[in-house]
C-alpha atoms as a PDB file:
ATOM      1  CA  PHE A   1     125.510 102.627 107.149  1.00  0.00           C
ATOM      2  CA  PHE A   2     129.627 102.285 106.402  1.00  0.00           C
ATOM      3  CA  PHE A   3     132.623 102.845 107.605  1.00  0.00           C
ATOM      4  CA  PHE A   4     134.935 105.280 106.728  1.00  0.00           C
ATOM      5  CA  PHE A   5     138.126 103.999 108.157  1.00  0.00           C
ATOM      6  CA  PHE A   6     141.566 106.060 107.648  1.00  0.00           C
ATOM      7  CA  PHE A   7     144.340 105.148 106.633  1.00  0.00           C
ATOM      8  CA  LEU A   8     148.157 106.792 106.527  1.00  0.00           C
ATOM      9  CA  MET A   9     149.512 107.363 103.134  1.00  0.00           C
ATOM     10  CA  ILE A  10     152.791 105.963 102.979  1.00  0.00           C
ATOM     11  CA  ARG A  11     154.795 107.902 100.760  1.00  0.00           C
ATOM     12  CA  ARG A  12     158.534 109.193 101.070  1.00  0.00           C
ATOM     13  CA  PRO A  13     159.246 109.559 104.286  1.00  0.00           C
ATOM     14  CA  PRO A  14     158.454 113.501 104.960  1.00  0.00           C
ATOM     15  CA  ARG A  15     155.143 113.403 103.318  1.00  0.00           C
ATOM     16  CA  SER A  16     153.006 110.187 104.784  1.00  0.00           C
ATOM     17  CA  THR A  17     150.047 112.055 105.258  1.00  0.00           C
ATOM     18  CA  LEU A  18     146.383 111.162 106.535  1.00  0.00           C
ATOM     19  CA  SER A  19     143.603 109.372 104.678  1.00  0.00           C
ATOM     20  CA  SER A  20     139.877 108.350 104.075  1.00  0.00           C
ATOM     21  CA  SER A  21     138.764 105.394 102.358  1.00  0.00           C
ATOM     22  CA  SER A  22     135.624 105.303 100.748  1.00  0.00           C
ATOM     23  CA  ALA A  23     135.906 102.566  98.067  1.00  0.00           C
ATOM     24  CA  ALA A  24     137.686 100.087  96.243  1.00  0.00           C
ATOM     25  CA  SER A  25     138.690 100.211  93.013  1.00  0.00           C
ATOM     26  CA  ASP A  26     140.058  96.866  91.877  1.00  0.00           C
ATOM     27  CA  VAL A  27     142.090  94.334  93.595  1.00  0.00           C
ATOM     28  CA  TYR A  28     145.042  96.082  93.722  1.00  0.00           C
ATOM     29  CA  LYS A  29     143.851  99.876  94.059  1.00  0.00           C
ATOM     30  CA  ARG A  30     142.002 101.437  96.850  1.00  0.00           C
ATOM     31  CA  GLN A  31     139.490 104.972  96.576  1.00  0.00           C
ATOM     32  CA  VAL A  32     141.303 107.587  98.509  1.00  0.00           C
ATOM     33  CA  TYR A  33     140.379 110.885 100.137  1.00  0.00           C
ATOM     34  CA  SER A  34     142.633 113.707 102.271  1.00  0.00           C
ATOM     35  CA  PRO A  35     142.141 117.617 102.526  1.00  0.00           C
ATOM     36  CA  GLU A  36     145.500 117.305 102.176  1.00  0.00           C
ATOM     37  CA  THR A  37     146.370 116.548  98.361  1.00  0.00           C
ATOM     38  CA  SER A  38     145.520 118.741  95.553  1.00  0.00           C
ATOM     39  CA  LYS A  39     142.797 115.748  94.126  1.00  0.00           C
ATOM     40  CA  ALA A  40     139.412 115.320  96.163  1.00  0.00           C
ATOM     41  CA  ILE A  41     139.787 111.981  95.290  1.00  0.00           C
ATOM     42  CA  THR A  42     142.987 109.777  94.172  1.00  0.00           C
ATOM     43  CA  GLU A  43     143.664 105.864  94.233  1.00  0.00           C
ATOM     44  CA  MET A  44     146.216 104.522  96.440  1.00  0.00           C
ATOM     45  CA  SER A  45     147.698 100.903  95.705  1.00  0.00           C
ATOM     46  CA  TYR A  46     147.240  99.033  98.514  1.00  0.00           C
ATOM     47  CA  LYS A  47     150.817  98.529  99.343  1.00  0.00           C
ATOM     48  CA  ARG A  48     150.933 102.694 100.139  1.00  0.00           C
ATOM     49  CA  ILE A  49     148.704 102.203 102.880  1.00  0.00           C
ATOM     50  CA  SER A  50     148.653 101.239 106.460  1.00  0.00           C
ATOM     51  CA  LEU A  51     145.543 100.730 108.551  1.00  0.00           C
ATOM     52  CA  THR A  52     144.408 102.929 111.848  1.00  0.00           C
ATOM     53  CA  ASP A  53     142.447 102.392 114.770  1.00  0.00           C
ATOM     54  CA  LEU A  54     139.763 106.062 113.538  1.00  0.00           C
ATOM     55  CA  LYS A  55     136.927 105.349 112.346  1.00  0.00           C
ATOM     56  CA  VAL A  56     133.254 107.111 111.293  1.00  0.00           C
ATOM     57  CA  ALA A  57     129.778 105.681 110.018  1.00  0.00           C
ATOM     58  CA  ILE A  58     129.305 107.383 106.602  1.00  0.00           C
ATOM     59  CA  GLN A  59     127.709 105.966 103.317  1.00  0.00           C
ATOM     60  CA  ARG A  60     130.338 103.975 100.979  1.00  0.00           C
ATOM     61  CA  GLY A  61     131.019 105.462  97.972  1.00  0.00           C
ATOM     62  CA  ALA A  62     131.007 109.178  99.854  1.00  0.00           C
ATOM     63  CA  ARG A  63     131.506 112.493  97.681  1.00  0.00           C
ATOM     64  CA  PRO A  64     134.368 114.758  98.642  1.00  0.00           C
ATOM     65  CA  ARG A  65     131.952 117.595 100.419  1.00  0.00           C
ATOM     66  CA  THR A  66     130.494 114.582 102.261  1.00  0.00           C
ATOM     67  CA  ALA A  67     134.106 112.967 103.681  1.00  0.00           C
ATOM     68  CA  SER A  68     135.254 116.333 104.710  1.00  0.00           C
ATOM     69  CA  LYS A  69     131.961 117.266 106.600  1.00  0.00           C
ATOM     70  CA  ALA A  70     132.611 113.591 108.438  1.00  0.00           C
ATOM     71  CA  TRP A  71     136.064 114.448 108.952  1.00  0.00           C
ATOM     72  CA  THR A  72     135.905 117.306 110.321  1.00  0.00           C
ATOM     73  CA  ASP A  73     132.149 116.494 112.704  1.00  0.00           C
ATOM     74  CA  ALA A  74     134.382 113.777 113.746  1.00  0.00           C
ATOM     75  CA  ALA A  75     138.018 115.691 114.941  1.00  0.00           C
ATOM     76  CA  ILE A  76     139.887 113.501 113.279  1.00  0.00           C
ATOM     77  CA  GLU A  77     142.699 115.900 112.994  1.00  0.00           C
ATOM     78  CA  GLU A  78     142.782 115.905 116.652  1.00  0.00           C
ATOM     79  CA  ALA A  79     142.540 112.037 117.519  1.00  0.00           C
ATOM     80  CA  TRP A  80     145.538 111.208 114.469  1.00  0.00           C
ATOM     81  CA  SER A  81     147.143 113.924 116.597  1.00  0.00           C
ATOM     82  CA  LYS A  82     147.121 111.566 119.758  1.00  0.00           C
ATOM     83  CA  THR A  83     147.900 108.169 118.660  1.00  0.00           C
ATOM     84  CA  SER A  84     151.478 106.930 118.873  1.00  0.00           C
ATOM     85  CA  MET A  85     151.796 106.389 114.969  1.00  0.00           C
ATOM     86  CA  ALA A  86     151.770 110.349 114.438  1.00  0.00           C
ATOM     87  CA  LYS A  87     154.070 111.393 117.243  1.00  0.00           C
ATOM     88  CA  LYS A  88     156.215 108.575 115.882  1.00  0.00           C
ATOM     89  CA  ILE A  89     156.287 110.579 111.952  1.00  0.00           C
ATOM     90  CA  ALA A  90     156.730 114.037 114.303  1.00  0.00           C
ATOM     91  CA  ALA A  91     159.598 113.110 115.494  1.00  0.00           C
ATOM     92  CA  LYS A  92     160.830 112.188 112.274  1.00  0.00           C
ATOM     93  CA  ARG A  93     160.455 115.034 110.659  1.00  0.00           C
ATOM     94  CA  ARG A  94     161.712 116.822 113.830  1.00  0.00           C
ATOM     95  CA  LYS A  95     164.517 115.110 113.638  1.00  0.00           C
ATOM     96  CA  ALA A  96     164.878 115.739 110.184  1.00  0.00           C
ATOM     97  CA  ALA A  97     164.718 119.485 110.186  1.00  0.00           C
ATOM     98  CA  SER A  98     166.976 119.657 112.923  1.00  0.00           C
ATOM     99  CA  SER A  99     170.236 120.861 112.495  1.00  0.00           C
ATOM    100  CA  ASP A 100     174.274 119.287 113.087  1.00  0.00           C
ATOM    101  CA  PHE A 101     174.984 121.971 116.533  1.00  0.00           C
ATOM    102  CA  ASP A 102     170.589 120.613 117.599  1.00  0.00           C
ATOM    103  CA  ARG A 103     171.668 117.494 117.449  1.00  0.00           C
ATOM    104  CA  PHE A 104     174.941 118.303 119.130  1.00  0.00           C
ATOM    105  CA  LYS A 105     172.536 119.478 122.152  1.00  0.00           C
ATOM    106  CA  ALA A 106     170.391 116.352 122.280  1.00  0.00           C
ATOM    107  CA  MET A 107     173.623 114.225 122.306  1.00  0.00           C
ATOM    108  CA  VAL A 108     175.447 116.383 125.161  1.00  0.00           C
ATOM    109  CA  ALA A 109     171.461 116.520 127.149  1.00  0.00           C
ATOM    110  CA  LYS A 110     171.939 112.657 127.260  1.00  0.00           C
ATOM    111  CA  LYS A 111     175.234 112.077 128.463  1.00  0.00           C
ATOM    112  CA  LYS A 112     174.137 114.250 131.583  1.00  0.00           C
END
């Protein structure tokens, strides 16, 4: 068996998503699977991938359905939501979505 490592696909700040890798395409790219993308398997440059500690044992070059089943069986979404990286991304998204008044209230609460 091959370990199916999980990555954070780094895109524009609000769109970073969790994904997994099944095989290397070449020296510069890796085939990546993510249930949140429109394509089943896409190629990503190593520059846009950040490795996480999450992993699942699965065969090399697994098909999307097999990868999806392994993803759900291992409860990757729950494990991911507990990591510090996921918490930081969620905080950035909340801060970006907050209004001026919300930021003002947070500043006043921080002063007290």
